[in-house]
Amino acid sequence: QVQLVESGGGLVQPGGSLRLSCAASGSIFSINSMGWYRQAPGQQRERVAFITSDGTTNYADSVKGRFSISRDNAKNTVYLQMNSLKPEDTAVYYCKLVRSGLGYWGQGTQVTVSS
């Protein structure tokens, strides 16, 4: 099994920054990718960013130039650095790990951008 634990969410003012972390444990071999999704109230879950096993990154258009995904293989952790946050970034952010074609989700962490 795979366990994912997210941290780093919170309340921040517009223009501020947050860094989310997702620590993976358990059967974390043959990882295809790790990434971040978000879901705002009343909306569908959307992909924010992901990073593949070879380090390739991909971002949603809405966060390009503001968010950055990275990983620490030694710690089995993926990070999402979020800068220049906007109120529309408010959502529950979920970490997802894909291993051997199967997806595993974290419990989510709330990010609220408000003055």
Protein backbone atom coordinates (compact mmCIF):
# COMPACT_ATOMS: atom_id res chain seq x y z
CA GLN A 1 0.00 0.00 0.00
CA VAL A 2 0.89 3.64 -0.40
CA GLN A 3 0.40 6.36 2.16
CA LEU A 4 0.55 10.05 1.30
CA VAL A 5 0.61 12.78 3.92
CA GLU A 6 0.19 16.40 2.84
CA SER A 7 1.08 19.46 4.86
CA GLY A 8 1.66 23.17 4.42
CA GLY A 9 -1.81 24.50 3.69
CA GLY A 10 -3.31 27.48 5.43
CA LEU A 11 -4.64 30.99 5.11
CA VAL A 12 -2.61 33.51 3.12
CA GLN A 13 -3.26 36.96 1.74
CA PRO A 14 -3.42 37.58 -2.01
CA GLY A 15 0.08 37.87 -3.41
CA GLY A 16 1.50 35.65 -0.69
CA SER A 17 3.25 32.31 -0.85
CA LEU A 18 2.83 28.82 0.56
CA ARG A 19 4.75 25.60 0.15
CA LEU A 20 2.89 22.30 0.22
CA SER A 21 4.63 19.03 1.01
CA CYS A 22 3.57 15.46 0.30
CA ALA A 23 5.48 12.65 1.96
CA ALA A 24 5.05 9.18 0.52
CA SER A 25 5.59 5.91 2.37
CA GLY A 26 4.79 2.25 1.95
CA SER A 27 5.13 0.44 -1.39
CA ILE A 28 6.63 3.36 -3.28
CA PHE A 29 8.61 1.54 -5.91
CA SER A 30 8.13 1.98 -9.66
CA ILE A 31 6.63 5.44 -9.26
CA ASN A 32 5.46 6.89 -12.56
CA SER A 33 4.71 10.37 -11.32
CA MET A 34 3.63 12.50 -8.39
CA GLY A 35 1.49 15.55 -8.61
CA TRP A 36 -0.93 18.00 -7.12
CA TYR A 37 -4.61 18.46 -7.82
CA ARG A 38 -7.08 20.88 -6.33
CA GLN A 39 -10.80 21.07 -5.84
CA ALA A 40 -12.73 24.21 -5.04
CA PRO A 41 -16.28 24.07 -3.62
CA GLY A 42 -18.78 23.11 -6.28
CA GLN A 43 -16.10 22.47 -8.87
CA GLN A 44 -14.41 19.41 -10.31
CA ARG A 45 -10.98 18.35 -9.19
CA GLU A 46 -8.34 19.71 -11.53
CA ARG A 47 -4.71 18.89 -12.05
CA VAL A 48 -2.33 21.62 -10.95
CA ALA A 49 1.11 20.17 -11.60
CA PHE A 50 2.95 16.89 -11.79
CA ILE A 51 6.49 15.60 -12.01
CA THR A 52 7.45 12.33 -13.66
CA SER A 53 10.09 9.81 -12.64
CA ASP A 54 12.58 11.38 -15.05
CA GLY A 55 11.96 14.87 -13.66
CA THR A 56 9.69 16.20 -16.39
CA THR A 57 7.22 18.73 -15.03
CA ASN A 58 3.87 19.92 -16.27
CA TYR A 59 1.64 22.75 -15.07
CA ALA A 60 -1.90 23.89 -15.57
CA ASP A 61 -2.06 27.13 -17.55
CA SER A 62 -3.65 28.89 -14.59
CA VAL A 63 -0.56 28.39 -12.40
CA LYS A 64 2.30 28.59 -14.90
CA GLY A 65 4.93 31.06 -13.77
CA ARG A 66 3.55 31.14 -10.22
CA PHE A 67 3.76 27.55 -8.97
CA SER A 68 6.73 25.21 -9.00
CA ILE A 69 6.77 21.47 -8.33
CA SER A 70 9.86 19.67 -7.11
CA ARG A 71 10.80 16.47 -5.35
CA ASP A 72 13.32 15.09 -2.92
CA ASN A 73 13.86 11.45 -3.82
CA ALA A 74 15.81 10.75 -0.64
CA LYS A 75 12.81 11.85 1.43
CA ASN A 76 10.17 10.47 -0.96
CA THR A 77 8.59 13.90 -0.82
CA VAL A 78 7.15 16.19 -3.46
CA TYR A 79 6.69 19.91 -2.95
CA LEU A 80 4.51 22.58 -4.50
CA GLN A 81 5.84 26.10 -4.11
CA MET A 82 3.00 28.53 -4.67
CA ASN A 83 3.79 32.20 -5.22
CA SER A 84 1.68 35.21 -6.14
CA LEU A 85 -1.38 33.45 -4.80
CA LYS A 86 -4.80 34.62 -5.92
CA PRO A 87 -8.24 34.18 -4.34
CA GLU A 88 -9.11 31.78 -7.16
CA ASP A 89 -6.35 29.46 -5.94
CA THR A 90 -8.49 28.73 -2.88
CA ALA A 91 -9.20 25.00 -2.80
CA VAL A 92 -8.40 21.73 -1.13
CA TYR A 93 -5.10 20.54 -2.58
CA TYR A 94 -4.53 16.83 -3.00
CA CYS A 95 -1.34 14.93 -3.64
CA LYS A 96 -1.48 12.05 -6.09
CA LEU A 97 1.08 9.32 -6.69
CA VAL A 98 0.89 7.09 -9.76
CA ARG A 99 2.60 3.73 -9.48
CA SER A 100 2.38 0.98 -12.04
CA GLY A 101 -0.59 2.73 -13.57
CA LEU A 102 -2.53 2.99 -10.31
CA GLY A 103 -3.30 6.28 -8.59
CA TYR A 104 -3.10 6.93 -4.85
CA TRP A 105 -4.43 10.05 -3.14
CA GLY A 106 -3.61 11.96 -0.03
CA GLN A 107 -6.24 13.32 2.34
CA GLY A 108 -5.94 16.89 1.10
CA THR A 109 -4.88 20.17 2.64
CA GLN A 110 -6.89 23.39 2.59
CA VAL A 111 -5.43 26.49 0.97
CA THR A 112 -7.37 29.73 1.45
CA VAL A 113 -6.30 32.95 -0.22
CA SER A 114 -8.14 35.89 1.28
CA SER A 115 -7.55 39.33 2.68
